[in-house]
Amino acid sequence: AWFRQAPGKEREGVLCISSSDVRTYYADSVKGRFTISRDN
């Protein structure tokens, strides 16, 4: 998973990829803009 912390803000989840390649978005603001991928 990717988390991010902006200045003065709490750390928030952004996006995750599971071992079976299921993607989960935790921040609605990045949908359509951020993608996650893996190269095992």
PDB file of all heavy atoms in Angstrom:
ATOM      1  N   ALA A   1       0.835  -1.191   0.000  1.00  0.00           N
ATOM      2  CA  ALA A   1       0.000   0.000   0.000  1.00  0.00           C
ATOM      3  C   ALA A   1       0.870   1.240   0.000  1.00  0.00           C
ATOM      4  O   ALA A   1       2.006   1.229   0.482  1.00  0.00           O
ATOM      5  CB  ALA A   1      -0.926   0.015   1.212  1.00  0.00           C
ATOM      6  N   TRP A   2       0.319   2.287  -0.548  1.00  0.00           N
ATOM      7  CA  TRP A   2       0.931   3.602  -0.471  1.00  0.00           C
ATOM      8  C   TRP A   2       0.113   4.482   0.464  1.00  0.00           C
ATOM      9  O   TRP A   2      -1.121   4.563   0.339  1.00  0.00           O
ATOM     10  CB  TRP A   2       1.036   4.258  -1.843  1.00  0.00           C
ATOM     11  CG  TRP A   2       2.035   3.597  -2.737  1.00  0.00           C
ATOM     12  CD1 TRP A   2       1.797   2.603  -3.638  1.00  0.00           C
ATOM     13  CD2 TRP A   2       3.435   3.874  -2.803  1.00  0.00           C
ATOM     14  NE1 TRP A   2       2.958   2.244  -4.268  1.00  0.00           N
ATOM     15  CE2 TRP A   2       3.982   3.004  -3.780  1.00  0.00           C
ATOM     16  CE3 TRP A   2       4.283   4.768  -2.147  1.00  0.00           C
ATOM     17  CZ2 TRP A   2       5.345   3.011  -4.101  1.00  0.00           C
ATOM     18  CZ3 TRP A   2       5.634   4.765  -2.469  1.00  0.00           C
ATOM     19  CH2 TRP A   2       6.150   3.895  -3.431  1.00  0.00           C
ATOM     20  N   PHE A   3       0.798   5.118   1.395  1.00  0.00           N
ATOM     21  CA  PHE A   3       0.227   6.113   2.282  1.00  0.00           C
ATOM     22  C   PHE A   3       0.904   7.445   2.020  1.00  0.00           C
ATOM     23  O   PHE A   3       2.017   7.494   1.503  1.00  0.00           O
ATOM     24  CB  PHE A   3       0.413   5.722   3.753  1.00  0.00           C
ATOM     25  CG  PHE A   3      -0.383   4.520   4.175  1.00  0.00           C
ATOM     26  CD1 PHE A   3       0.068   3.238   3.918  1.00  0.00           C
ATOM     27  CD2 PHE A   3      -1.590   4.676   4.837  1.00  0.00           C
ATOM     28  CE1 PHE A   3      -0.659   2.125   4.308  1.00  0.00           C
ATOM     29  CE2 PHE A   3      -2.324   3.571   5.236  1.00  0.00           C
ATOM     30  CZ  PHE A   3      -1.863   2.302   4.971  1.00  0.00           C
ATOM     31  N   ARG A   4       0.243   8.509   2.387  1.00  0.00           N
ATOM     32  CA  ARG A   4       0.860   9.820   2.247  1.00  0.00           C
ATOM     33  C   ARG A   4       0.494  10.701   3.428  1.00  0.00           C
ATOM     34  O   ARG A   4      -0.551  10.539   4.049  1.00  0.00           O
ATOM     35  CB  ARG A   4       0.457  10.496   0.932  1.00  0.00           C
ATOM     36  CG  ARG A   4      -1.005  10.878   0.827  1.00  0.00           C
ATOM     37  CD  ARG A   4      -1.307  11.460  -0.551  1.00  0.00           C
ATOM     38  NE  ARG A   4      -2.692  11.875  -0.685  1.00  0.00           N
ATOM     39  CZ  ARG A   4      -3.234  12.346  -1.795  1.00  0.00           C
ATOM     40  NH1 ARG A   4      -2.496  12.474  -2.896  1.00  0.00           N
ATOM     41  NH2 ARG A   4      -4.511  12.700  -1.819  1.00  0.00           N
ATOM     42  N   GLN A   5       1.372  11.643   3.707  1.00  0.00           N
ATOM     43  CA  GLN A   5       1.142  12.590   4.783  1.00  0.00           C
ATOM     44  C   GLN A   5       1.518  13.980   4.300  1.00  0.00           C
ATOM     45  O   GLN A   5       2.686  14.260   4.029  1.00  0.00           O
ATOM     46  CB  GLN A   5       1.940  12.228   6.034  1.00  0.00           C
ATOM     47  CG  GLN A   5       1.608  13.088   7.231  1.00  0.00           C
ATOM     48  CD  GLN A   5       2.136  12.511   8.521  1.00  0.00           C
ATOM     49  OE1 GLN A   5       3.048  11.691   8.526  1.00  0.00           O
ATOM     50  NE2 GLN A   5       1.553  12.938   9.631  1.00  0.00           N
ATOM     51  N   ALA A   6       0.520  14.820   4.173  1.00  0.00           N
ATOM     52  CA  ALA A   6       0.729  16.204   3.793  1.00  0.00           C
ATOM     53  C   ALA A   6       1.070  17.025   5.025  1.00  0.00           C
ATOM     54  O   ALA A   6       0.741  16.645   6.155  1.00  0.00           O
ATOM     55  CB  ALA A   6      -0.522  16.756   3.115  1.00  0.00           C
ATOM     56  N   PRO A   7       1.726  18.170   4.833  1.00  0.00           N
ATOM     57  CA  PRO A   7       2.068  19.012   5.982  1.00  0.00           C
ATOM     58  C   PRO A   7       0.842  19.367   6.811  1.00  0.00           C
ATOM     59  O   PRO A   7      -0.166  19.835   6.283  1.00  0.00           O
ATOM     60  CB  PRO A   7       2.681  20.251   5.327  1.00  0.00           C
ATOM     61  CG  PRO A   7       3.217  19.761   4.022  1.00  0.00           C
ATOM     62  CD  PRO A   7       2.239  18.719   3.567  1.00  0.00           C
ATOM     63  N   GLY A   8       0.923  19.129   8.108  1.00  0.00           N
ATOM     64  CA  GLY A   8      -0.159  19.448   9.010  1.00  0.00           C
ATOM     65  C   GLY A   8      -1.343  18.504   8.957  1.00  0.00           C
ATOM     66  O   GLY A   8      -2.357  18.772   9.611  1.00  0.00           O
ATOM     67  N   LYS A   9      -1.239  17.425   8.208  1.00  0.00           N
ATOM     68  CA  LYS A   9      -2.336  16.480   8.048  1.00  0.00           C
ATOM     69  C   LYS A   9      -1.966  15.114   8.618  1.00  0.00           C
ATOM     70  O   LYS A   9      -0.790  14.785   8.788  1.00  0.00           O
ATOM     71  CB  LYS A   9      -2.688  16.316   6.569  1.00  0.00           C
ATOM     72  CG  LYS A   9      -3.100  17.588   5.857  1.00  0.00           C
ATOM     73  CD  LYS A   9      -4.526  17.964   6.159  1.00  0.00           C
ATOM     74  CE  LYS A   9      -4.984  19.110   5.277  1.00  0.00           C
ATOM     75  NZ  LYS A   9      -6.418  19.431   5.483  1.00  0.00           N
ATOM     76  N   GLU A  10      -2.984  14.325   8.910  1.00  0.00           N
ATOM     77  CA  GLU A  10      -2.762  12.943   9.301  1.00  0.00           C
ATOM     78  C   GLU A  10      -2.391  12.106   8.084  1.00  0.00           C
ATOM     79  O   GLU A  10      -2.772  12.414   6.958  1.00  0.00           O
ATOM     80  CB  GLU A  10      -4.005  12.353   9.960  1.00  0.00           C
ATOM     81  CG  GLU A  10      -4.350  12.952  11.299  1.00  0.00           C
ATOM     82  CD  GLU A  10      -5.495  12.241  11.974  1.00  0.00           C
ATOM     83  OE1 GLU A  10      -6.048  11.289  11.382  1.00  0.00           O
ATOM     84  OE2 GLU A  10      -5.839  12.619  13.099  1.00  0.00           O
ATOM     85  N   ARG A  11      -1.654  11.047   8.320  1.00  0.00           N
ATOM     86  CA  ARG A  11      -1.308  10.133   7.252  1.00  0.00           C
ATOM     87  C   ARG A  11      -2.556   9.406   6.769  1.00  0.00           C
ATOM     88  O   ARG A  11      -3.376   8.958   7.576  1.00  0.00           O
ATOM     89  CB  ARG A  11      -0.255   9.133   7.726  1.00  0.00           C
ATOM     90  CG  ARG A  11       0.284   8.241   6.621  1.00  0.00           C
ATOM     91  CD  ARG A  11       1.579   7.576   7.040  1.00  0.00           C
ATOM     92  NE  ARG A  11       1.435   6.806   8.268  1.00  0.00           N
ATOM     93  CZ  ARG A  11       2.442   6.208   8.886  1.00  0.00           C
ATOM     94  NH1 ARG A  11       3.679   6.295   8.391  1.00  0.00           N
ATOM     95  NH2 ARG A  11       2.226   5.531   9.996  1.00  0.00           N
ATOM     96  N   GLU A  12      -2.704   9.299   5.458  1.00  0.00           N
ATOM     97  CA  GLU A  12      -3.866   8.659   4.885  1.00  0.00           C
ATOM     98  C   GLU A  12      -3.458   7.600   3.873  1.00  0.00           C
ATOM     99  O   GLU A  12      -2.431   7.717   3.208  1.00  0.00           O
ATOM    100  CB  GLU A  12      -4.778   9.683   4.196  1.00  0.00           C
ATOM    101  CG  GLU A  12      -4.155  10.349   2.979  1.00  0.00           C
ATOM    102  CD  GLU A  12      -5.132  11.182   2.169  1.00  0.00           C
ATOM    103  OE1 GLU A  12      -6.355  11.057   2.384  1.00  0.00           O
ATOM    104  OE2 GLU A  12      -4.676  11.965   1.308  1.00  0.00           O
ATOM    105  N   GLY A  13      -4.279   6.570   3.765  1.00  0.00           N
ATOM    106  CA  GLY A  13      -4.070   5.573   2.740  1.00  0.00           C
ATOM    107  C   GLY A  13      -4.412   6.132   1.376  1.00  0.00           C
ATOM    108  O   GLY A  13      -5.347   6.923   1.231  1.00  0.00           O
ATOM    109  N   VAL A  14      -3.665   5.711   0.373  1.00  0.00           N
ATOM    110  CA  VAL A  14      -3.864   6.175  -0.988  1.00  0.00           C
ATOM    111  C   VAL A  14      -4.369   5.047  -1.881  1.00  0.00           C
ATOM    112  O   VAL A  14      -5.469   5.117  -2.438  1.00  0.00           O
ATOM    113  CB  VAL A  14      -2.576   6.781  -1.572  1.00  0.00           C
ATOM    114  CG1 VAL A  14      -2.809   7.273  -2.993  1.00  0.00           C
ATOM    115  CG2 VAL A  14      -2.063   7.911  -0.685  1.00  0.00           C
ATOM    116  N   LEU A  15      -3.562   3.999  -1.986  1.00  0.00           N
ATOM    117  CA  LEU A  15      -3.835   2.941  -2.947  1.00  0.00           C
ATOM    118  C   LEU A  15      -3.070   1.701  -2.536  1.00  0.00           C
ATOM    119  O   LEU A  15      -1.982   1.798  -1.975  1.00  0.00           O
ATOM    120  CB  LEU A  15      -3.415   3.401  -4.348  1.00  0.00           C
ATOM    121  CG  LEU A  15      -3.734   2.554  -5.570  1.00  0.00           C
ATOM    122  CD1 LEU A  15      -5.228   2.304  -5.690  1.00  0.00           C
ATOM    123  CD2 LEU A  15      -3.209   3.236  -6.825  1.00  0.00           C
ATOM    124  N   CYS A  16      -3.624   0.537  -2.836  1.00  0.00           N
ATOM    125  CA  CYS A  16      -3.011  -0.716  -2.421  1.00  0.00           C
ATOM    126  C   CYS A  16      -3.175  -1.757  -3.512  1.00  0.00           C
ATOM    127  O   CYS A  16      -4.160  -1.734  -4.255  1.00  0.00           O
ATOM    128  CB  CYS A  16      -3.643  -1.220  -1.124  1.00  0.00           C
ATOM    129  SG  CYS A  16      -2.918  -2.742  -0.461  1.00  0.00           S
ATOM    130  N   ILE A  17      -2.212  -2.652  -3.600  1.00  0.00           N
ATOM    131  CA  ILE A  17      -2.322  -3.821  -4.464  1.00  0.00           C
ATOM    132  C   ILE A  17      -2.066  -5.060  -3.615  1.00  0.00           C
ATOM    133  O   ILE A  17      -1.073  -5.144  -2.885  1.00  0.00           O
ATOM    134  CB  ILE A  17      -1.355  -3.733  -5.665  1.00  0.00           C
ATOM    135  CG1 ILE A  17      -1.571  -4.909  -6.616  1.00  0.00           C
ATOM    136  CG2 ILE A  17       0.093  -3.619  -5.226  1.00  0.00           C
ATOM    137  CD1 ILE A  17      -0.861  -4.733  -7.959  1.00  0.00           C
ATOM    138  N   SER A  18      -2.977  -6.020  -3.679  1.00  0.00           N
ATOM    139  CA  SER A  18      -2.862  -7.228  -2.879  1.00  0.00           C
ATOM    140  C   SER A  18      -1.962  -8.242  -3.572  1.00  0.00           C
ATOM    141  O   SER A  18      -1.528  -8.055  -4.708  1.00  0.00           O
ATOM    142  CB  SER A  18      -4.243  -7.837  -2.628  1.00  0.00           C
ATOM    143  OG  SER A  18      -4.714  -8.504  -3.779  1.00  0.00           O
ATOM    144  N   SER A  19      -1.695  -9.343  -2.875  1.00  0.00           N
ATOM    145  CA  SER A  19      -0.879 -10.407  -3.457  1.00  0.00           C
ATOM    146  C   SER A  19      -1.525 -11.018  -4.694  1.00  0.00           C
ATOM    147  O   SER A  19      -0.818 -11.562  -5.542  1.00  0.00           O
ATOM    148  CB  SER A  19      -0.607 -11.493  -2.419  1.00  0.00           C
ATOM    149  OG  SER A  19      -1.800 -12.123  -2.009  1.00  0.00           O
ATOM    150  N   SER A  20      -2.850 -10.941  -4.794  1.00  0.00           N
ATOM    151  CA  SER A  20      -3.570 -11.446  -5.954  1.00  0.00           C
ATOM    152  C   SER A  20      -3.907 -10.343  -6.956  1.00  0.00           C
ATOM    153  O   SER A  20      -4.746 -10.539  -7.834  1.00  0.00           O
ATOM    154  CB  SER A  20      -4.844 -12.165  -5.522  1.00  0.00           C
ATOM    155  OG  SER A  20      -5.691 -11.314  -4.779  1.00  0.00           O
ATOM    156  N   ASP A  21      -3.280  -9.184  -6.812  1.00  0.00           N
ATOM    157  CA  ASP A  21      -3.386  -8.065  -7.746  1.00  0.00           C
ATOM    158  C   ASP A  21      -4.730  -7.359  -7.696  1.00  0.00           C
ATOM    159  O   ASP A  21      -5.116  -6.697  -8.661  1.00  0.00           O
ATOM    160  CB  ASP A  21      -3.072  -8.492  -9.175  1.00  0.00           C
ATOM    161  CG  ASP A  21      -1.599  -8.745  -9.407  1.00  0.00           C
ATOM    162  OD1 ASP A  21      -0.776  -8.254  -8.609  1.00  0.00           O
ATOM    163  OD2 ASP A  21      -1.266  -9.438 -10.386  1.00  0.00           O
ATOM    164  N   VAL A  22      -5.443  -7.469  -6.586  1.00  0.00           N
ATOM    165  CA  VAL A  22      -6.645  -6.675  -6.392  1.00  0.00           C
ATOM    166  C   VAL A  22      -6.238  -5.266  -5.962  1.00  0.00           C
ATOM    167  O   VAL A  22      -5.485  -5.091  -5.006  1.00  0.00           O
ATOM    168  CB  VAL A  22      -7.568  -7.302  -5.346  1.00  0.00           C
ATOM    169  CG1 VAL A  22      -8.775  -6.407  -5.080  1.00  0.00           C
ATOM    170  CG2 VAL A  22      -8.022  -8.679  -5.798  1.00  0.00           C
ATOM    171  N   ARG A  23      -6.729  -4.284  -6.678  1.00  0.00           N
ATOM    172  CA  ARG A  23      -6.434  -2.886  -6.357  1.00  0.00           C
ATOM    173  C   ARG A  23      -7.536  -2.288  -5.493  1.00  0.00           C
ATOM    174  O   ARG A  23      -8.717  -2.529  -5.726  1.00  0.00           O
ATOM    175  CB  ARG A  23      -6.308  -2.051  -7.632  1.00  0.00           C
ATOM    176  CG  ARG A  23      -4.939  -2.051  -8.273  1.00  0.00           C
ATOM    177  CD  ARG A  23      -4.671  -3.286  -9.089  1.00  0.00           C
ATOM    178  NE  ARG A  23      -3.553  -3.063 -10.017  1.00  0.00           N
ATOM    179  CZ  ARG A  23      -2.979  -4.012 -10.747  1.00  0.00           C
ATOM    180  NH1 ARG A  23      -3.432  -5.262 -10.674  1.00  0.00           N
ATOM    181  NH2 ARG A  23      -1.979  -3.706 -11.552  1.00  0.00           N
ATOM    182  N   THR A  24      -7.135  -1.501  -4.512  1.00  0.00           N
ATOM    183  CA  THR A  24      -8.073  -0.824  -3.637  1.00  0.00           C
ATOM    184  C   THR A  24      -7.663   0.627  -3.492  1.00  0.00           C
ATOM    185  O   THR A  24      -6.510   0.917  -3.154  1.00  0.00           O
ATOM    186  CB  THR A  24      -8.126  -1.473  -2.252  1.00  0.00           C
ATOM    187  OG1 THR A  24      -8.465  -2.862  -2.376  1.00  0.00           O
ATOM    188  CG2 THR A  24      -9.173  -0.790  -1.382  1.00  0.00           C
ATOM    189  N   TYR A  25      -8.594   1.527  -3.757  1.00  0.00           N
ATOM    190  CA  TYR A  25      -8.365   2.955  -3.568  1.00  0.00           C
ATOM    191  C   TYR A  25      -8.879   3.366  -2.200  1.00  0.00           C
ATOM    192  O   TYR A  25     -10.018   3.047  -1.830  1.00  0.00           O
ATOM    193  CB  TYR A  25      -9.068   3.774  -4.642  1.00  0.00           C
ATOM    194  CG  TYR A  25      -8.408   3.715  -5.991  1.00  0.00           C
ATOM    195  CD1 TYR A  25      -8.731   2.725  -6.911  1.00  0.00           C
ATOM    196  CD2 TYR A  25      -7.454   4.663  -6.358  1.00  0.00           C
ATOM    197  CE1 TYR A  25      -8.116   2.670  -8.154  1.00  0.00           C
ATOM    198  CE2 TYR A  25      -6.843   4.611  -7.603  1.00  0.00           C
ATOM    199  CZ  TYR A  25      -7.178   3.614  -8.496  1.00  0.00           C
ATOM    200  OH  TYR A  25      -6.572   3.559  -9.733  1.00  0.00           O
ATOM    201  N   TYR A  26      -8.065   4.084  -1.467  1.00  0.00           N
ATOM    202  CA  TYR A  26      -8.462   4.604  -0.168  1.00  0.00           C
ATOM    203  C   TYR A  26      -8.688   6.109  -0.189  1.00  0.00           C
ATOM    204  O   TYR A  26      -9.316   6.644   0.731  1.00  0.00           O
ATOM    205  CB  TYR A  26      -7.420   4.248   0.894  1.00  0.00           C
ATOM    206  CG  TYR A  26      -7.289   2.756   1.080  1.00  0.00           C
ATOM    207  CD1 TYR A  26      -6.157   2.082   0.654  1.00  0.00           C
ATOM    208  CD2 TYR A  26      -8.313   2.029   1.667  1.00  0.00           C
ATOM    209  CE1 TYR A  26      -6.044   0.714   0.806  1.00  0.00           C
ATOM    210  CE2 TYR A  26      -8.209   0.659   1.822  1.00  0.00           C
ATOM    211  CZ  TYR A  26      -7.076   0.004   1.389  1.00  0.00           C
ATOM    212  OH  TYR A  26      -6.971  -1.356   1.542  1.00  0.00           O
ATOM    213  N   ALA A  27      -8.190   6.770  -1.199  1.00  0.00           N
ATOM    214  CA  ALA A  27      -8.383   8.207  -1.365  1.00  0.00           C
ATOM    215  C   ALA A  27      -9.146   8.453  -2.655  1.00  0.00           C
ATOM    216  O   ALA A  27      -8.617   8.241  -3.750  1.00  0.00           O
ATOM    217  CB  ALA A  27      -7.051   8.941  -1.388  1.00  0.00           C
ATOM    218  N   ASP A  28     -10.387   8.903  -2.530  1.00  0.00           N
ATOM    219  CA  ASP A  28     -11.212   9.144  -3.711  1.00  0.00           C
ATOM    220  C   ASP A  28     -10.583  10.169  -4.642  1.00  0.00           C
ATOM    221  O   ASP A  28     -10.786  10.118  -5.856  1.00  0.00           O
ATOM    222  CB  ASP A  28     -12.603   9.615  -3.293  1.00  0.00           C
ATOM    223  CG  ASP A  28     -13.436   8.514  -2.662  1.00  0.00           C
ATOM    224  OD1 ASP A  28     -13.103   7.328  -2.837  1.00  0.00           O
ATOM    225  OD2 ASP A  28     -14.434   8.852  -1.998  1.00  0.00           O
ATOM    226  N   SER A  29      -9.822  11.081  -4.088  1.00  0.00           N
ATOM    227  CA  SER A  29      -9.271  12.163  -4.880  1.00  0.00           C
ATOM    228  C   SER A  29      -8.249  11.700  -5.914  1.00  0.00           C
ATOM    229  O   SER A  29      -7.951  12.446  -6.850  1.00  0.00           O
ATOM    230  CB  SER A  29      -8.622  13.212  -3.962  1.00  0.00           C
ATOM    231  OG  SER A  29      -7.546  12.652  -3.234  1.00  0.00           O
ATOM    232  N   VAL A  30      -7.709  10.492  -5.773  1.00  0.00           N
ATOM    233  CA  VAL A  30      -6.685  10.033  -6.711  1.00  0.00           C
ATOM    234  C   VAL A  30      -7.235   9.071  -7.753  1.00  0.00           C
ATOM    235  O   VAL A  30      -6.496   8.683  -8.668  1.00  0.00           O
ATOM    236  CB  VAL A  30      -5.490   9.384  -5.987  1.00  0.00           C
ATOM    237  CG1 VAL A  30      -4.978  10.296  -4.880  1.00  0.00           C
ATOM    238  CG2 VAL A  30      -5.848   8.007  -5.443  1.00  0.00           C
ATOM    239  N   LYS A  31      -8.491   8.692  -7.650  1.00  0.00           N
ATOM    240  CA  LYS A  31      -9.079   7.779  -8.629  1.00  0.00           C
ATOM    241  C   LYS A  31      -9.049   8.406 -10.012  1.00  0.00           C
ATOM    242  O   LYS A  31      -9.392   9.569 -10.189  1.00  0.00           O
ATOM    243  CB  LYS A  31     -10.514   7.429  -8.239  1.00  0.00           C
ATOM    244  CG  LYS A  31     -10.624   6.552  -7.010  1.00  0.00           C
ATOM    245  CD  LYS A  31     -12.075   6.229  -6.685  1.00  0.00           C
ATOM    246  CE  LYS A  31     -12.171   5.329  -5.477  1.00  0.00           C
ATOM    247  NZ  LYS A  31     -13.579   5.037  -5.110  1.00  0.00           N
ATOM    248  N   GLY A  32      -8.635   7.614 -10.992  1.00  0.00           N
ATOM    249  CA  GLY A  32      -8.496   8.106 -12.343  1.00  0.00           C
ATOM    250  C   GLY A  32      -7.189   8.797 -12.626  1.00  0.00           C
ATOM    251  O   GLY A  32      -6.908   9.113 -13.788  1.00  0.00           O
ATOM    252  N   ARG A  33      -6.389   9.041 -11.601  1.00  0.00           N
ATOM    253  CA  ARG A  33      -5.109   9.721 -11.775  1.00  0.00           C
ATOM    254  C   ARG A  33      -3.925   8.867 -11.340  1.00  0.00           C
ATOM    255  O   ARG A  33      -2.856   8.924 -11.951  1.00  0.00           O
ATOM    256  CB  ARG A  33      -5.085  11.037 -10.996  1.00  0.00           C
ATOM    257  CG  ARG A  33      -6.173  12.019 -11.419  1.00  0.00           C
ATOM    258  CD  ARG A  33      -5.992  13.378 -10.763  1.00  0.00           C
ATOM    259  NE  ARG A  33      -6.108  13.298  -9.303  1.00  0.00           N
ATOM    260  CZ  ARG A  33      -5.140  13.609  -8.457  1.00  0.00           C
ATOM    261  NH1 ARG A  33      -3.958  14.024  -8.910  1.00  0.00           N
ATOM    262  NH2 ARG A  33      -5.339  13.520  -7.145  1.00  0.00           N
ATOM    263  N   PHE A  34      -4.099   8.087 -10.286  1.00  0.00           N
ATOM    264  CA  PHE A  34      -3.018   7.252  -9.753  1.00  0.00           C
ATOM    265  C   PHE A  34      -3.286   5.797 -10.091  1.00  0.00           C
ATOM    266  O   PHE A  34      -4.430   5.326 -10.025  1.00  0.00           O
ATOM    267  CB  PHE A  34      -2.922   7.374  -8.230  1.00  0.00           C
ATOM    268  CG  PHE A  34      -2.399   8.685  -7.713  1.00  0.00           C
ATOM    269  CD1 PHE A  34      -2.313   9.803  -8.521  1.00  0.00           C
ATOM    270  CD2 PHE A  34      -1.989   8.783  -6.395  1.00  0.00           C
ATOM    271  CE1 PHE A  34      -1.833  11.006  -8.039  1.00  0.00           C
ATOM    272  CE2 PHE A  34      -1.506   9.974  -5.892  1.00  0.00           C
ATOM    273  CZ  PHE A  34      -1.430  11.086  -6.714  1.00  0.00           C
ATOM    274  N   THR A  35      -2.246   5.070 -10.439  1.00  0.00           N
ATOM    275  CA  THR A  35      -2.342   3.637 -10.650  1.00  0.00           C
ATOM    276  C   THR A  35      -1.197   2.944  -9.928  1.00  0.00           C
ATOM    277  O   THR A  35      -0.108   3.498  -9.781  1.00  0.00           O
ATOM    278  CB  THR A  35      -2.317   3.261 -12.139  1.00  0.00           C
ATOM    279  OG1 THR A  35      -1.125   3.770 -12.749  1.00  0.00           O
ATOM    280  CG2 THR A  35      -3.533   3.810 -12.854  1.00  0.00           C
ATOM    281  N   ILE A  36      -1.461   1.725  -9.498  1.00  0.00           N
ATOM    282  CA  ILE A  36      -0.458   0.925  -8.828  1.00  0.00           C
ATOM    283  C   ILE A  36      -0.232  -0.347  -9.631  1.00  0.00           C
ATOM    284  O   ILE A  36      -1.175  -0.904 -10.204  1.00  0.00           O
ATOM    285  CB  ILE A  36      -0.873   0.611  -7.372  1.00  0.00           C
ATOM    286  CG1 ILE A  36       0.282  -0.001  -6.581  1.00  0.00           C
ATOM    287  CG2 ILE A  36      -2.109  -0.278  -7.319  1.00  0.00           C
ATOM    288  CD1 ILE A  36       0.010  -0.070  -5.078  1.00  0.00           C
ATOM    289  N   SER A  37       1.007  -0.789  -9.695  1.00  0.00           N
ATOM    290  CA  SER A  37       1.347  -1.999 -10.420  1.00  0.00           C
ATOM    291  C   SER A  37       2.502  -2.688  -9.720  1.00  0.00           C
ATOM    292  O   SER A  37       3.197  -2.082  -8.901  1.00  0.00           O
ATOM    293  CB  SER A  37       1.695  -1.701 -11.882  1.00  0.00           C
ATOM    294  OG  SER A  37       2.818  -0.842 -11.970  1.00  0.00           O
ATOM    295  N   ARG A  38       2.703  -3.945 -10.049  1.00  0.00           N
ATOM    296  CA  ARG A  38       3.797  -4.692  -9.454  1.00  0.00           C
ATOM    297  C   ARG A  38       4.554  -5.456 -10.523  1.00  0.00           C
ATOM    298  O   ARG A  38       3.995  -5.861 -11.553  1.00  0.00           O
ATOM    299  CB  ARG A  38       3.279  -5.651  -8.371  1.00  0.00           C
ATOM    300  CG  ARG A  38       2.539  -6.876  -8.918  1.00  0.00           C
ATOM    301  CD  ARG A  38       1.761  -7.610  -7.836  1.00  0.00           C
ATOM    302  NE  ARG A  38       2.557  -7.898  -6.662  1.00  0.00           N
ATOM    303  CZ  ARG A  38       2.089  -7.870  -5.416  1.00  0.00           C
ATOM    304  NH1 ARG A  38       0.819  -7.557  -5.194  1.00  0.00           N
ATOM    305  NH2 ARG A  38       2.888  -8.149  -4.400  1.00  0.00           N
ATOM    306  N   ASP A  39       5.833  -5.642 -10.282  1.00  0.00           N
ATOM    307  CA  ASP A  39       6.689  -6.470 -11.109  1.00  0.00           C
ATOM    308  C   ASP A  39       7.375  -7.435 -10.155  1.00  0.00           C
ATOM    309  O   ASP A  39       8.375  -7.096  -9.519  1.00  0.00           O
ATOM    310  CB  ASP A  39       7.699  -5.630 -11.881  1.00  0.00           C
ATOM    311  CG  ASP A  39       8.526  -6.441 -12.859  1.00  0.00           C
ATOM    312  OD1 ASP A  39       8.643  -7.671 -12.687  1.00  0.00           O
ATOM    313  OD2 ASP A  39       9.067  -5.841 -13.808  1.00  0.00           O
ATOM    314  N   ASN A  40       6.824  -8.634 -10.042  1.00  0.00           N
ATOM    315  CA  ASN A  40       7.349  -9.587  -9.071  1.00  0.00           C
ATOM    316  C   ASN A  40       8.778 -10.012  -9.392  1.00  0.00           C
ATOM    317  O   ASN A  40       9.564 -10.299  -8.484  1.00  0.00           O
ATOM    318  CB  ASN A  40       6.445 -10.813  -8.997  1.00  0.00           C
ATOM    319  CG  ASN A  40       5.123 -10.521  -8.321  1.00  0.00           C
ATOM    320  OD1 ASN A  40       4.971  -9.525  -7.627  1.00  0.00           O
ATOM    321  ND2 ASN A  40       4.146 -11.396  -8.526  1.00  0.00           N
TER     322      ASN A  40
END
